[in-house]
Amino acid sequence: MSGYEHRILEVRSGKVACLPGRDETIEHCRFCVYSRSFRVRGEYVPSPALAFCVKQRSCDEVNLREVEAVTCADHRNEGYRSMMNIIG
């Protein structure tokens, strides 16, 4: 990481405030290139979006109904960006 702290986006009704005025579902977060971890029952678990990341690979499934917050590495305020565009 380049000296920036990741944002913690609290989940409200299955969505997070990705950008001001733009909510995204946590289903989108699980496929977003900026998603780093999900807080489930107070514990942070790696995001399923890291399944193809060589540096922090994670293939564990996350129960999205229990997600309380998402750790987001979007430091340029680009918003949701699908990892499918990268691996496709």
Protein backbone atom coordinates (compact mmCIF):
# COMPACT_ATOMS: atom_id res chain seq x y z
CA MET A 1 0.00 0.00 0.00
CA SER A 2 1.23 3.48 -0.73
CA GLY A 3 0.82 5.13 2.68
CA TYR A 4 -2.97 5.41 2.45
CA GLU A 5 -5.29 3.83 4.92
CA HIS A 6 -8.15 1.79 3.55
CA ARG A 7 -11.66 3.11 4.06
CA ILE A 8 -14.07 1.12 6.22
CA LEU A 9 -17.51 1.19 4.60
CA GLU A 10 -20.30 0.23 7.00
CA VAL A 11 -23.04 -1.97 5.54
CA ARG A 12 -26.57 -0.58 5.72
CA SER A 13 -29.42 -2.66 4.26
CA GLY A 14 -26.97 -4.72 2.19
CA LYS A 15 -25.25 -1.66 0.67
CA VAL A 16 -22.22 0.53 1.29
CA ALA A 17 -21.61 4.20 0.45
CA CYS A 18 -19.10 3.53 -2.31
CA LEU A 19 -18.98 7.18 -3.36
CA PRO A 20 -20.93 10.19 -2.08
CA GLY A 21 -24.47 9.70 -3.32
CA ARG A 22 -23.67 6.31 -4.86
CA ASP A 23 -24.42 3.15 -2.92
CA GLU A 24 -23.30 -0.28 -4.11
CA THR A 25 -24.47 -3.68 -2.98
CA ILE A 26 -22.03 -5.86 -1.10
CA GLU A 27 -22.51 -8.38 -3.91
CA HIS A 28 -20.72 -5.85 -6.12
CA CYS A 29 -18.02 -5.41 -3.45
CA ARG A 30 -17.19 -9.09 -3.60
CA PHE A 31 -16.15 -8.59 -7.25
CA CYS A 32 -14.61 -5.10 -6.93
CA VAL A 33 -10.87 -4.63 -7.48
CA TYR A 34 -10.75 -2.30 -4.46
CA SER A 35 -12.41 -4.66 -1.98
CA ARG A 36 -9.84 -5.94 0.52
CA SER A 37 -11.78 -7.51 3.37
CA PHE A 38 -15.22 -7.97 4.88
CA ARG A 39 -16.00 -7.65 8.58
CA VAL A 40 -18.12 -10.60 9.66
CA ARG A 41 -19.08 -10.91 13.33
CA GLY A 42 -16.32 -8.45 14.26
CA GLU A 43 -13.55 -10.33 12.41
CA TYR A 44 -12.00 -9.19 9.13
CA VAL A 45 -11.81 -11.87 6.44
CA PRO A 46 -10.20 -11.46 3.01
CA SER A 47 -12.51 -10.37 0.23
CA PRO A 48 -13.48 -12.96 -2.40
CA ALA A 49 -12.28 -10.34 -4.92
CA LEU A 50 -8.74 -11.38 -3.97
CA ALA A 51 -9.17 -14.82 -5.52
CA PHE A 52 -7.01 -13.80 -8.47
CA CYS A 53 -4.58 -11.59 -6.54
CA VAL A 54 -1.09 -13.06 -6.53
CA LYS A 55 0.00 -11.04 -3.49
CA GLN A 56 -3.01 -11.70 -1.20
CA ARG A 57 -4.85 -14.64 -2.74
CA SER A 58 -8.06 -15.67 -0.99
CA CYS A 59 -10.50 -18.29 -2.20
CA ASP A 60 -12.73 -18.43 0.88
CA GLU A 61 -16.43 -17.75 0.44
CA VAL A 62 -18.05 -15.10 2.64
CA ASN A 63 -21.63 -15.20 3.90
CA LEU A 64 -22.74 -11.82 2.55
CA ARG A 65 -25.79 -11.72 4.85
CA GLU A 66 -23.44 -11.44 7.84
CA VAL A 67 -21.14 -8.72 6.46
CA GLU A 68 -21.03 -5.66 8.73
CA ALA A 69 -18.45 -3.58 6.83
CA VAL A 70 -16.16 -3.64 3.80
CA THR A 71 -12.53 -2.52 3.72
CA CYS A 72 -12.04 -0.50 0.54
CA ALA A 73 -8.74 0.47 -1.14
CA ASP A 74 -10.25 2.98 -3.60
CA HIS A 75 -8.01 5.98 -2.89
CA ARG A 76 -8.84 7.82 -6.13
CA ASN A 77 -12.62 7.77 -5.65
CA GLU A 78 -13.24 5.82 -8.84
CA GLY A 79 -16.03 3.76 -7.31
CA TYR A 80 -16.96 0.20 -8.11
CA ARG A 81 -14.67 -1.43 -10.67
CA SER A 82 -15.34 -5.05 -11.55
CA MET A 83 -12.41 -7.46 -11.38
CA MET A 84 -14.06 -9.29 -14.29
CA ASN A 85 -12.78 -6.54 -16.60
CA ILE A 86 -9.24 -7.40 -15.53
CA ILE A 87 -9.42 -11.21 -15.71
CA GLY A 88 -11.73 -11.37 -18.74
